[in-house]
Structures are given as structure tokens and as C-alpha cells.
């Protein structure tokens, strides 16, 4: 019986120690949308990618206009079809159809290449920014003695934020560490949270 009581006290002590250790852990949160939205370096990268996408789209639009003009010309040629010029017009229409098919294939290829080029540029330019942010978050978290930091930004979703009731917002500190001016961005509202 003494062993059972002693075992219960040991178990209760371990449980209490665990709760005390957990109570000492500090939690923080940040808003990565705000960081990336106000960081000039991130804006430059976004502008570079947007410009590349616009350039690619302009090239595709030019080909689409060419396709539409050739299609219109073929349709007008078809209206001139008569028994007297049937052989000549049919040959011209067949040639136009071949050209239209070739142009359509080139448009599809250009769209695929544009998508690939933009994705490649994103994979090239965004990881260094993400690494800088991660380094800043790690350093600030260690400086502040935080055990956990949650990202409350809308783009990250709120599924990984199980509970949020205050905590220390380190968004400004991360922005300062990255050299981002203190111009406040519109605050993202955290998801409704429930206390466990």
C-alpha cells in the first residue's frame, strides 16, 4: 500500500513538473504577410516576377492577335468560294488551316514556356528572401527566449494556429532586423480562437 501511495506521489510530482515546465515556455507570433508586404527587397522581387509575366503575356497576346487576323482572313477567303475559283480557294484555305494549327501550337508552347519561366524565376528569387526572414525569426526568437512562434498571416492559413490569446508579436522586430521601415501595414485579423 505504501508503494502505491509513493507511486501516486511520484506520478503527481512528475505531472506537476511537466505543467510547470510548460508554463515557462514563451509563445510569440508574427505576420509574414505584413513583413513581405512592406519589405522593399520583397517588393523588388515581386515586381521583377510581375514584369517577366507581363512580358511573356505580351508575347502571347501578339501571337493570339496574329492567329485571330489569319483566322479572319481565312473566313473572308472562304466567303469568296465559287465554282469558278474552287480549286484555288480550297488550296489557300488548306494552307491557312495548316498555318493556324501551327500558330495555335506555338501559342500553347509559349504559354507553357512562360509558366515555366515565371516559376523558375520565383524559385530563384524567393528562397533567399525566405531564408533571410527565417534567420531573423530564429535570432529574435532566441533573443526573446520564445519557445514557439506562430505565423498569423492569412496566406499561411490559420490551421496551424491552434490557440491564440495574446502572445508576443515579433513582426516589428523581424522587420527591424531586415531593415524594413516602421511604416505600419494594415493589421491582419487573427482567426477566431477558442480556449482549450
N, C-alpha and C. Protein backbone atom coordinates (compact mmCIF):
# COMPACT_ATOMS: atom_id res chain seq x y z
N UNK A 1 0.82 -1.18 0.00
CA UNK A 1 0.00 0.00 0.00
C UNK A 1 0.87 1.25 0.00
N UNK A 2 1.98 1.19 0.79
CA UNK A 2 2.89 2.33 0.83
C UNK A 2 3.49 2.57 -0.54
N UNK A 3 3.81 1.48 -1.27
CA UNK A 3 4.39 1.63 -2.60
C UNK A 3 3.40 2.29 -3.55
N UNK A 4 2.13 1.95 -3.43
CA UNK A 4 1.10 2.54 -4.29
C UNK A 4 0.98 4.04 -4.02
N UNK A 5 0.94 4.43 -2.76
CA UNK A 5 0.83 5.84 -2.39
C UNK A 5 2.08 6.60 -2.84
N UNK A 6 3.25 5.98 -2.63
CA UNK A 6 4.50 6.60 -3.04
C UNK A 6 4.52 6.77 -4.56
N UNK A 7 4.04 5.77 -5.29
CA UNK A 7 3.98 5.83 -6.75
C UNK A 7 3.05 6.95 -7.23
N UNK A 8 1.91 7.11 -6.51
CA UNK A 8 0.98 8.19 -6.87
C UNK A 8 1.62 9.55 -6.66
N UNK A 9 2.37 9.71 -5.54
CA UNK A 9 3.03 10.99 -5.29
C UNK A 9 4.11 11.27 -6.34
N UNK A 10 4.85 10.25 -6.72
CA UNK A 10 5.88 10.42 -7.76
C UNK A 10 5.22 10.83 -9.08
N UNK A 11 4.13 10.13 -9.43
CA UNK A 11 3.43 10.45 -10.67
C UNK A 11 2.86 11.87 -10.63
N UNK A 12 2.29 12.24 -9.49
CA UNK A 12 1.74 13.60 -9.34
C UNK A 12 2.87 14.63 -9.43
N UNK A 13 4.00 14.32 -8.86
CA UNK A 13 5.16 15.23 -8.92
C UNK A 13 5.65 15.41 -10.35
N UNK A 14 5.73 14.31 -11.07
CA UNK A 14 6.15 14.39 -12.48
C UNK A 14 5.16 15.20 -13.29
N UNK A 15 3.88 14.98 -13.05
CA UNK A 15 2.85 15.72 -13.76
C UNK A 15 2.94 17.21 -13.45
N UNK A 16 3.15 17.55 -12.20
CA UNK A 16 3.27 18.95 -11.79
C UNK A 16 4.52 19.57 -12.41
N UNK A 17 5.62 18.84 -12.43
CA UNK A 17 6.85 19.34 -13.03
C UNK A 17 6.65 19.61 -14.52
N UNK A 18 5.95 18.73 -15.19
CA UNK A 18 5.66 18.92 -16.61
C UNK A 18 4.85 20.18 -16.83
N UNK A 19 3.83 20.39 -16.00
CA UNK A 19 2.99 21.58 -16.14
C UNK A 19 3.78 22.85 -15.87
N UNK A 20 4.66 22.83 -14.87
CA UNK A 20 5.48 24.00 -14.55
C UNK A 20 6.44 24.28 -15.70
N UNK A 21 7.04 23.24 -16.26
CA UNK A 21 7.96 23.42 -17.38
C UNK A 21 7.23 23.98 -18.58
N UNK A 22 6.02 23.49 -18.84
CA UNK A 22 5.23 24.00 -19.97
C UNK A 22 4.81 25.44 -19.73
N UNK A 23 4.53 25.80 -18.50
CA UNK A 23 4.09 27.15 -18.18
C UNK A 23 5.22 28.15 -18.41
N UNK A 24 6.46 27.72 -18.35
CA UNK A 24 7.59 28.61 -18.52
C UNK A 24 7.92 28.86 -19.99
N UNK A 25 7.37 28.09 -20.89
CA UNK A 25 7.64 28.29 -22.31
C UNK A 25 6.92 29.54 -22.79
N UNK A 26 7.62 30.33 -23.59
CA UNK A 26 7.05 31.56 -24.11
C UNK A 26 6.64 31.36 -25.57
N UNK A 27 5.51 31.94 -25.90
CA UNK A 27 4.98 31.85 -27.25
C UNK A 27 5.00 33.24 -27.88
N UNK A 28 5.21 33.28 -29.16
CA UNK A 28 5.16 34.54 -29.90
C UNK A 28 4.45 34.32 -31.22
N UNK A 29 4.16 35.41 -31.89
CA UNK A 29 3.54 35.30 -33.21
C UNK A 29 4.01 36.44 -34.08
N UNK A 30 3.88 36.27 -35.37
CA UNK A 30 4.23 37.29 -36.33
C UNK A 30 3.29 37.18 -37.52
N UNK A 31 3.33 38.20 -38.37
CA UNK A 31 2.51 38.22 -39.56
C UNK A 31 3.44 38.32 -40.77
N UNK A 32 3.72 37.20 -41.42
CA UNK A 32 4.65 37.21 -42.55
C UNK A 32 4.10 37.98 -43.75
N UNK A 33 2.78 38.06 -43.89
CA UNK A 33 2.20 38.87 -44.97
C UNK A 33 2.60 40.33 -44.80
N UNK A 34 2.55 40.81 -43.57
CA UNK A 34 2.94 42.20 -43.29
C UNK A 34 4.42 42.41 -43.56
N UNK A 35 5.24 41.44 -43.17
CA UNK A 35 6.68 41.55 -43.38
C UNK A 35 6.98 41.62 -44.87
N UNK A 36 6.48 40.66 -45.63
CA UNK A 36 6.76 40.64 -47.07
C UNK A 36 6.08 41.79 -47.80
N UNK A 37 4.93 42.23 -47.28
CA UNK A 37 4.20 43.32 -47.92
C UNK A 37 4.84 44.68 -47.76
N UNK A 38 5.69 44.86 -46.76
CA UNK A 38 6.32 46.15 -46.52
C UNK A 38 7.83 46.14 -46.77
N UNK A 39 8.37 45.01 -47.11
CA UNK A 39 9.81 44.86 -47.31
C UNK A 39 10.17 45.23 -48.74
N UNK A 40 11.00 46.25 -48.91
CA UNK A 40 11.35 46.73 -50.25
C UNK A 40 12.02 45.64 -51.08
N UNK A 41 12.83 44.82 -50.46
CA UNK A 41 13.51 43.74 -51.18
C UNK A 41 12.48 42.74 -51.75
N UNK A 42 11.46 42.43 -50.97
CA UNK A 42 10.41 41.51 -51.43
C UNK A 42 9.58 42.18 -52.53
N UNK A 43 9.33 43.48 -52.39
CA UNK A 43 8.58 44.20 -53.42
C UNK A 43 9.35 44.20 -54.74
N UNK A 44 10.67 44.37 -54.67
CA UNK A 44 11.51 44.35 -55.87
C UNK A 44 11.42 42.99 -56.56
N UNK A 45 11.49 41.93 -55.78
CA UNK A 45 11.40 40.58 -56.33
C UNK A 45 10.02 40.37 -56.97
N UNK A 46 8.97 40.80 -56.28
CA UNK A 46 7.61 40.65 -56.82
C UNK A 46 7.46 41.43 -58.11
N UNK A 47 8.00 42.64 -58.16
CA UNK A 47 7.92 43.46 -59.36
C UNK A 47 8.68 42.80 -60.51
N UNK A 48 9.83 42.23 -60.23
CA UNK A 48 10.62 41.54 -61.25
C UNK A 48 9.81 40.39 -61.85
N UNK A 49 9.18 39.61 -60.98
CA UNK A 49 8.39 38.47 -61.45
C UNK A 49 7.15 38.94 -62.22
N UNK A 50 6.49 39.97 -61.71
CA UNK A 50 5.31 40.51 -62.41
C UNK A 50 5.70 41.03 -63.79
N UNK A 51 6.84 41.73 -63.89
CA UNK A 51 7.28 42.25 -65.19
C UNK A 51 7.60 41.13 -66.16
N UNK A 52 8.22 40.08 -65.66
CA UNK A 52 8.50 38.92 -66.52
C UNK A 52 7.20 38.32 -67.03
N UNK A 53 6.24 38.16 -66.13
CA UNK A 53 4.94 37.59 -66.52
C UNK A 53 4.24 38.49 -67.55
N UNK A 54 4.30 39.81 -67.36
CA UNK A 54 3.67 40.74 -68.31
C UNK A 54 4.35 40.67 -69.67
N UNK A 55 5.68 40.59 -69.68
CA UNK A 55 6.42 40.48 -70.94
C UNK A 55 6.02 39.21 -71.69
N UNK A 56 5.97 38.11 -70.96
CA UNK A 56 5.58 36.83 -71.58
C UNK A 56 4.16 36.90 -72.11
N UNK A 57 3.26 37.52 -71.32
CA UNK A 57 1.86 37.63 -71.75
C UNK A 57 1.74 38.51 -72.99
N UNK A 58 2.54 39.57 -73.08
CA UNK A 58 2.51 40.45 -74.26
C UNK A 58 2.93 39.68 -75.51
N UNK A 59 3.92 38.81 -75.37
CA UNK A 59 4.36 37.98 -76.50
C UNK A 59 3.24 37.04 -76.93
N UNK A 60 2.58 36.46 -75.96
CA UNK A 60 1.47 35.54 -76.26
C UNK A 60 0.31 36.30 -76.89
N UNK A 61 -0.01 37.48 -76.35
CA UNK A 61 -1.10 38.29 -76.91
C UNK A 61 -0.83 38.66 -78.36
N UNK A 62 0.44 38.94 -78.68
CA UNK A 62 0.81 39.26 -80.07
C UNK A 62 0.53 38.07 -80.98
N UNK A 63 0.88 36.87 -80.51
CA UNK A 63 0.61 35.67 -81.31
C UNK A 63 -0.88 35.41 -81.45
N UNK A 64 -1.64 35.68 -80.39
CA UNK A 64 -3.09 35.49 -80.44
C UNK A 64 -3.70 36.45 -81.45
N UNK A 65 -3.23 37.70 -81.48
CA UNK A 65 -3.73 38.68 -82.45
C UNK A 65 -3.41 38.21 -83.87
N UNK A 66 -2.20 37.68 -84.06
CA UNK A 66 -1.83 37.15 -85.38
C UNK A 66 -2.75 36.00 -85.77
N UNK A 67 -3.04 35.12 -84.82
CA UNK A 67 -3.95 33.99 -85.07
C UNK A 67 -5.34 34.50 -85.46
N UNK A 68 -5.84 35.46 -84.71
CA UNK A 68 -7.18 35.99 -85.00
C UNK A 68 -7.23 36.65 -86.37
N UNK A 69 -6.17 37.38 -86.75
CA UNK A 69 -6.13 38.02 -88.07
C UNK A 69 -6.09 36.98 -89.18
N UNK A 70 -5.30 35.93 -89.01
CA UNK A 70 -5.23 34.88 -90.03
C UNK A 70 -6.55 34.13 -90.13
N UNK A 71 -7.20 33.89 -89.00
CA UNK A 71 -8.49 33.21 -89.00
C UNK A 71 -9.54 34.07 -89.72
N UNK A 72 -9.54 35.34 -89.44
CA UNK A 72 -10.48 36.26 -90.09
C UNK A 72 -10.24 36.29 -91.59
N UNK A 73 -8.97 36.33 -91.99
CA UNK A 73 -8.63 36.34 -93.42
C UNK A 73 -9.09 35.04 -94.08
N UNK A 74 -8.92 33.91 -93.40
CA UNK A 74 -9.36 32.63 -93.96
C UNK A 74 -10.88 32.59 -94.08
N UNK A 75 -11.57 33.13 -93.09
CA UNK A 75 -13.04 33.15 -93.15
C UNK A 75 -13.52 34.05 -94.30
N UNK A 76 -12.84 35.17 -94.51
CA UNK A 76 -13.20 36.05 -95.62
C UNK A 76 -12.91 35.37 -96.95
N UNK A 77 -11.81 34.66 -97.03
CA UNK A 77 -11.44 33.94 -98.26
C UNK A 77 -12.48 32.87 -98.56
N UNK A 78 -12.97 32.21 -97.51
CA UNK A 78 -13.97 31.15 -97.68
C UNK A 78 -15.26 31.71 -98.28
N UNK A 79 -15.59 32.94 -97.96
CA UNK A 79 -16.81 33.58 -98.50
C UNK A 79 -16.71 33.84 -100.00
N UNK A 80 -15.47 33.89 -100.50
CA UNK A 80 -15.30 34.14 -101.95
C UNK A 80 -15.35 32.85 -102.77
N UNK A 81 -15.54 31.74 -102.09
CA UNK A 81 -15.55 30.43 -102.77
C UNK A 81 -16.70 30.34 -103.76
N UNK A 82 -16.35 29.96 -104.99
CA UNK A 82 -17.36 29.74 -106.03
C UNK A 82 -16.89 28.57 -106.89
N UNK A 83 -17.71 28.13 -107.80
CA UNK A 83 -17.34 27.01 -108.67
C UNK A 83 -16.15 27.39 -109.54
N UNK A 84 -16.07 28.64 -109.94
CA UNK A 84 -15.01 29.08 -110.83
C UNK A 84 -13.64 29.07 -110.14
N UNK A 85 -13.57 29.42 -108.85
CA UNK A 85 -12.27 29.50 -108.15
C UNK A 85 -12.11 28.44 -107.07
N UNK A 86 -12.93 27.44 -107.12
CA UNK A 86 -12.99 26.43 -106.06
C UNK A 86 -11.63 25.80 -105.77
N UNK A 87 -10.94 25.37 -106.81
CA UNK A 87 -9.67 24.66 -106.63
C UNK A 87 -8.63 25.56 -105.97
N UNK A 88 -8.51 26.78 -106.40
CA UNK A 88 -7.53 27.73 -105.86
C UNK A 88 -7.86 28.09 -104.41
N UNK A 89 -9.12 28.40 -104.16
CA UNK A 89 -9.53 28.82 -102.82
C UNK A 89 -9.38 27.67 -101.82
N UNK A 90 -9.73 26.46 -102.21
CA UNK A 90 -9.60 25.30 -101.31
C UNK A 90 -8.14 25.10 -100.92
N UNK A 91 -7.23 25.22 -101.89
CA UNK A 91 -5.81 25.09 -101.58
C UNK A 91 -5.36 26.18 -100.60
N UNK A 92 -5.80 27.40 -100.84
CA UNK A 92 -5.43 28.51 -99.95
C UNK A 92 -6.01 28.30 -98.54
N UNK A 93 -7.21 27.78 -98.47
CA UNK A 93 -7.83 27.50 -97.17
C UNK A 93 -7.11 26.38 -96.43
N UNK A 94 -6.68 25.38 -97.17
CA UNK A 94 -5.92 24.28 -96.55
C UNK A 94 -4.59 24.81 -96.00
N UNK A 95 -3.95 25.67 -96.77
CA UNK A 95 -2.69 26.26 -96.32
C UNK A 95 -2.94 27.13 -95.08
N UNK A 96 -4.02 27.90 -95.10
CA UNK A 96 -4.36 28.74 -93.95
C UNK A 96 -4.64 27.89 -92.72
N UNK A 97 -5.32 26.76 -92.92
CA UNK A 97 -5.62 25.87 -91.80
C UNK A 97 -4.32 25.32 -91.20
N UNK A 98 -3.39 24.94 -92.04
CA UNK A 98 -2.10 24.44 -91.56
C UNK A 98 -1.37 25.53 -90.78
N UNK A 99 -1.37 26.76 -91.29
CA UNK A 99 -0.72 27.87 -90.61
C UNK A 99 -1.39 28.15 -89.25
N UNK A 100 -2.73 28.08 -89.22
CA UNK A 100 -3.46 28.32 -87.98
C UNK A 100 -3.15 27.24 -86.94
N UNK A 101 -3.07 26.00 -87.38
CA UNK A 101 -2.74 24.91 -86.46
C UNK A 101 -1.32 25.09 -85.90
N UNK A 102 -0.40 25.48 -86.80
CA UNK A 102 0.98 25.71 -86.37
C UNK A 102 1.04 26.86 -85.36
N UNK A 103 0.32 27.93 -85.65
CA UNK A 103 0.31 29.09 -84.76
C UNK A 103 -0.34 28.75 -83.41
N UNK A 104 -1.40 27.95 -83.45
CA UNK A 104 -2.05 27.53 -82.21
C UNK A 104 -1.07 26.71 -81.35
N UNK A 105 -0.32 25.85 -81.98
CA UNK A 105 0.69 25.05 -81.26
C UNK A 105 1.76 25.96 -80.67
N UNK A 106 2.20 26.95 -81.43
CA UNK A 106 3.20 27.89 -80.92
C UNK A 106 2.67 28.68 -79.73
N UNK A 107 1.39 29.05 -79.78
CA UNK A 107 0.78 29.77 -78.65
C UNK A 107 0.76 28.89 -77.41
N UNK A 108 0.33 27.64 -77.57
CA UNK A 108 0.30 26.71 -76.43
C UNK A 108 1.71 26.50 -75.86
N UNK A 109 2.70 26.35 -76.75
CA UNK A 109 4.08 26.18 -76.30
C UNK A 109 4.58 27.43 -75.57
N UNK A 110 4.23 28.60 -76.10
CA UNK A 110 4.65 29.87 -75.47
C UNK A 110 4.02 30.01 -74.09
N UNK A 111 2.76 29.61 -73.96
CA UNK A 111 2.11 29.67 -72.64
C UNK A 111 2.81 28.76 -71.64
N UNK A 112 3.14 27.56 -72.07
CA UNK A 112 3.82 26.61 -71.19
C UNK A 112 5.21 27.13 -70.81
N UNK A 113 5.93 27.66 -71.81
CA UNK A 113 7.27 28.19 -71.54
C UNK A 113 7.18 29.40 -70.60
N UNK A 114 6.20 30.26 -70.79
CA UNK A 114 6.03 31.43 -69.93
C UNK A 114 5.77 30.98 -68.49
N UNK A 115 4.88 30.01 -68.33
CA UNK A 115 4.58 29.50 -66.98
C UNK A 115 5.85 28.93 -66.34
N UNK A 116 6.60 28.16 -67.09
CA UNK A 116 7.83 27.56 -66.59
C UNK A 116 8.86 28.63 -66.25
N UNK A 117 9.01 29.63 -67.12
CA UNK A 117 9.98 30.71 -66.88
C UNK A 117 9.64 31.49 -65.61
N UNK A 118 8.37 31.79 -65.43
CA UNK A 118 7.95 32.54 -64.24
C UNK A 118 8.17 31.70 -62.97
N UNK A 119 7.81 30.43 -63.02
CA UNK A 119 8.03 29.55 -61.86
C UNK A 119 9.52 29.42 -61.55
N UNK A 120 10.34 29.31 -62.58
CA UNK A 120 11.79 29.20 -62.38
C UNK A 120 12.33 30.46 -61.72
N UNK A 121 11.87 31.62 -62.19
CA UNK A 121 12.32 32.90 -61.61
C UNK A 121 11.87 33.00 -60.14
N UNK A 122 10.66 32.53 -59.84
CA UNK A 122 10.18 32.54 -58.45
C UNK A 122 11.06 31.65 -57.58
N UNK A 123 11.38 30.46 -58.09
CA UNK A 123 12.22 29.53 -57.32
C UNK A 123 13.63 30.08 -57.14
N UNK A 124 14.05 30.93 -58.05
CA UNK A 124 15.37 31.54 -57.96
C UNK A 124 15.40 32.71 -56.96
N UNK A 125 14.37 33.55 -56.98
CA UNK A 125 14.40 34.80 -56.22
C UNK A 125 13.78 34.73 -54.82
N UNK A 126 12.77 33.90 -54.60
CA UNK A 126 12.09 33.90 -53.30
C UNK A 126 12.84 33.16 -52.18
N UNK A 127 13.48 32.02 -52.43
CA UNK A 127 14.15 31.32 -51.33
C UNK A 127 15.18 32.16 -50.55
N UNK A 128 16.00 33.00 -51.21
CA UNK A 128 16.91 33.82 -50.41
C UNK A 128 16.17 34.77 -49.45
N UNK A 129 15.04 35.31 -49.91
CA UNK A 129 14.24 36.18 -49.04
C UNK A 129 13.68 35.37 -47.87
N UNK A 130 13.14 34.21 -48.17
CA UNK A 130 12.58 33.36 -47.12
C UNK A 130 13.65 32.97 -46.11
N UNK A 131 14.86 32.73 -46.59
CA UNK A 131 15.96 32.37 -45.69
C UNK A 131 16.32 33.54 -44.79
N UNK A 132 16.32 34.77 -45.33
CA UNK A 132 16.61 35.94 -44.51
C UNK A 132 15.57 36.11 -43.41
N UNK A 133 14.31 35.91 -43.77
CA UNK A 133 13.24 36.03 -42.78
C UNK A 133 13.38 34.94 -41.72
N UNK A 134 13.65 33.73 -42.15
CA UNK A 134 13.81 32.61 -41.20
C UNK A 134 14.97 32.88 -40.25
N UNK A 135 16.06 33.41 -40.77
CA UNK A 135 17.22 33.73 -39.94
C UNK A 135 16.86 34.80 -38.92
N UNK A 136 16.13 35.84 -39.37
CA UNK A 136 15.71 36.91 -38.46
C UNK A 136 14.77 36.37 -37.39
N UNK A 137 13.83 35.52 -37.79
CA UNK A 137 12.88 34.94 -36.83
C UNK A 137 13.63 34.10 -35.79
N UNK A 138 14.55 33.27 -36.25
CA UNK A 138 15.33 32.43 -35.32
C UNK A 138 16.11 33.28 -34.34
N UNK A 139 16.78 34.32 -34.83
CA UNK A 139 17.60 35.16 -33.95
C UNK A 139 16.73 35.89 -32.92
N UNK A 140 15.63 36.47 -33.36
CA UNK A 140 14.75 37.20 -32.45
C UNK A 140 14.10 36.26 -31.44
N UNK A 141 13.70 35.09 -31.91
CA UNK A 141 13.09 34.10 -31.00
C UNK A 141 14.06 33.71 -29.90
N UNK A 142 15.32 33.50 -30.27
CA UNK A 142 16.34 33.15 -29.27
C UNK A 142 16.58 34.32 -28.33
N UNK A 143 16.67 35.55 -28.90
CA UNK A 143 16.88 36.74 -28.07
C UNK A 143 15.77 36.92 -27.05
N UNK A 144 14.55 36.63 -27.44
CA UNK A 144 13.39 36.85 -26.57
C UNK A 144 13.05 35.62 -25.73
N UNK A 145 13.78 34.53 -25.94
CA UNK A 145 13.52 33.31 -25.17
C UNK A 145 12.19 32.66 -25.52
N UNK A 146 11.78 32.79 -26.76
CA UNK A 146 10.50 32.20 -27.18
C UNK A 146 10.68 30.73 -27.52
N UNK A 147 9.74 29.94 -27.12
CA UNK A 147 9.77 28.51 -27.45
C UNK A 147 9.05 28.24 -28.77
N UNK A 148 7.98 28.97 -29.01
CA UNK A 148 7.19 28.76 -30.22
C UNK A 148 6.80 30.11 -30.80
N UNK A 149 6.79 30.21 -32.12
CA UNK A 149 6.32 31.41 -32.81
C UNK A 149 5.35 30.95 -33.89
N UNK A 150 4.20 31.56 -33.90
CA UNK A 150 3.18 31.21 -34.88
C UNK A 150 3.05 32.33 -35.90
N UNK A 151 2.81 31.95 -37.15
CA UNK A 151 2.57 32.93 -38.21
C UNK A 151 1.06 33.11 -38.32
N UNK A 152 0.60 34.33 -38.06
CA UNK A 152 -0.84 34.61 -38.07
C UNK A 152 -1.31 35.20 -39.40
N UNK A 153 -0.46 35.17 -40.42
CA UNK A 153 -0.84 35.77 -41.71
C UNK A 153 -1.91 34.94 -42.41
N UNK A 154 -2.73 35.64 -43.16
CA UNK A 154 -3.83 34.98 -43.86
C UNK A 154 -3.31 34.00 -44.91
N UNK A 155 -2.20 34.32 -45.58
CA UNK A 155 -1.69 33.44 -46.63
C UNK A 155 -1.18 32.12 -46.08
N UNK A 156 -0.81 32.10 -44.81
CA UNK A 156 -0.33 30.86 -44.20
C UNK A 156 -1.48 30.03 -43.65
N UNK A 157 -2.65 30.62 -43.63
CA UNK A 157 -3.82 29.92 -43.11
C UNK A 157 -3.77 29.88 -41.60
N UNK A 158 -4.88 29.61 -41.03
CA UNK A 158 -4.94 29.58 -39.57
C UNK A 158 -5.03 28.16 -39.04
N UNK A 159 -4.88 27.18 -39.91
CA UNK A 159 -4.98 25.79 -39.48
C UNK A 159 -3.88 25.41 -38.51
N UNK A 160 -2.70 26.02 -38.64
CA UNK A 160 -1.61 25.66 -37.75
C UNK A 160 -1.62 26.50 -36.48
N UNK A 161 -2.56 27.41 -36.34
CA UNK A 161 -2.69 28.22 -35.14
C UNK A 161 -3.82 27.64 -34.31
N UNK A 162 -3.45 26.83 -33.35
CA UNK A 162 -4.45 26.12 -32.56
C UNK A 162 -5.07 27.02 -31.50
N UNK A 163 -4.25 27.85 -30.87
CA UNK A 163 -4.74 28.72 -29.81
C UNK A 163 -3.97 30.03 -29.88
N UNK A 164 -4.68 31.15 -29.79
CA UNK A 164 -4.03 32.45 -29.83
C UNK A 164 -4.76 33.39 -28.89
N UNK A 165 -4.08 33.76 -27.85
CA UNK A 165 -4.67 34.69 -26.89
C UNK A 165 -3.55 35.60 -26.42
N UNK A 166 -3.23 36.57 -27.25
CA UNK A 166 -2.13 37.46 -26.92
C UNK A 166 -0.83 36.91 -27.44
N UNK A 167 0.11 36.71 -26.58
CA UNK A 167 1.43 36.31 -27.01
C UNK A 167 2.22 37.53 -27.40
N UNK A 168 3.44 37.34 -27.78
CA UNK A 168 4.30 38.47 -28.13
C UNK A 168 4.40 38.54 -29.65
N UNK A 169 3.98 39.66 -30.22
CA UNK A 169 4.03 39.87 -31.67
C UNK A 169 5.43 40.37 -32.01
N UNK A 170 6.19 39.56 -32.74
CA UNK A 170 7.56 39.94 -33.09
C UNK A 170 7.67 40.42 -34.53
N UNK A 171 6.55 40.72 -35.18
CA UNK A 171 6.57 41.19 -36.57
C UNK A 171 7.45 42.42 -36.70
N UNK A 172 7.27 43.40 -35.83
CA UNK A 172 8.05 44.65 -35.91
C UNK A 172 9.54 44.38 -35.71
N UNK A 173 9.88 43.50 -34.80
CA UNK A 173 11.29 43.18 -34.55
C UNK A 173 11.92 42.51 -35.75
N UNK A 174 11.18 41.60 -36.41
CA UNK A 174 11.70 40.94 -37.61
C UNK A 174 11.89 41.97 -38.72
N UNK A 175 10.91 42.87 -38.88
CA UNK A 175 11.02 43.92 -39.90
C UNK A 175 12.24 44.80 -39.62
N UNK A 176 12.46 45.16 -38.36
CA UNK A 176 13.61 45.98 -38.00
C UNK A 176 14.91 45.24 -38.31
N UNK A 177 14.96 43.96 -37.98
CA UNK A 177 16.16 43.16 -38.23
C UNK A 177 16.45 43.08 -39.73
N UNK A 178 15.39 43.10 -40.56
CA UNK A 178 15.55 43.04 -42.01
C UNK A 178 15.74 44.43 -42.63
N UNK A 179 15.68 45.47 -41.81
CA UNK A 179 15.87 46.83 -42.30
C UNK A 179 14.65 47.41 -42.98
N UNK A 180 13.47 46.91 -42.63
CA UNK A 180 12.23 47.39 -43.20
C UNK A 180 11.74 48.56 -42.36
N UNK A 181 11.33 49.65 -43.02
CA UNK A 181 10.88 50.82 -42.27
C UNK A 181 9.67 50.47 -41.42
N UNK A 182 9.42 51.30 -40.43
CA UNK A 182 8.37 51.02 -39.46
C UNK A 182 7.00 51.44 -39.94
N UNK A 183 6.82 51.72 -41.23
CA UNK A 183 5.51 52.11 -41.74
C UNK A 183 4.53 50.98 -41.48
N UNK A 184 3.50 51.26 -40.70
CA UNK A 184 2.56 50.17 -40.38
C UNK A 184 1.72 49.78 -41.59
N UNK A 185 1.54 48.50 -41.73
CA UNK A 185 0.65 47.96 -42.76
C UNK A 185 -0.67 47.65 -42.10
N UNK A 186 -1.72 47.52 -42.88
CA UNK A 186 -3.00 47.15 -42.27
C UNK A 186 -2.84 45.82 -41.54
N UNK A 187 -3.29 45.81 -40.32
CA UNK A 187 -3.14 44.61 -39.49
C UNK A 187 -4.09 43.53 -39.96
N UNK A 188 -3.53 42.33 -40.07
CA UNK A 188 -4.37 41.17 -40.42
C UNK A 188 -5.05 40.72 -39.14
N UNK A 189 -6.30 40.41 -39.27
CA UNK A 189 -7.06 39.97 -38.10
C UNK A 189 -6.87 38.47 -37.92
N UNK A 190 -6.47 38.04 -36.71
CA UNK A 190 -6.31 36.61 -36.49
C UNK A 190 -7.66 35.92 -36.50
N UNK A 191 -7.61 34.64 -36.79
CA UNK A 191 -8.83 33.84 -36.81
C UNK A 191 -9.40 33.79 -35.40
N UNK A 192 -10.68 33.61 -35.34
CA UNK A 192 -11.33 33.44 -34.04
C UNK A 192 -10.73 32.24 -33.36
N UNK A 193 -10.37 32.42 -32.12
CA UNK A 193 -9.71 31.31 -31.41
C UNK A 193 -10.58 30.87 -30.26
N UNK A 194 -10.35 29.65 -29.90
CA UNK A 194 -11.10 29.07 -28.79
C UNK A 194 -10.11 28.68 -27.72
N UNK A 195 -10.47 28.92 -26.51
CA UNK A 195 -9.61 28.48 -25.42
C UNK A 195 -9.86 27.00 -25.19
N UNK A 196 -8.76 26.25 -25.06
CA UNK A 196 -8.94 24.79 -24.87
C UNK A 196 -9.60 24.47 -23.55
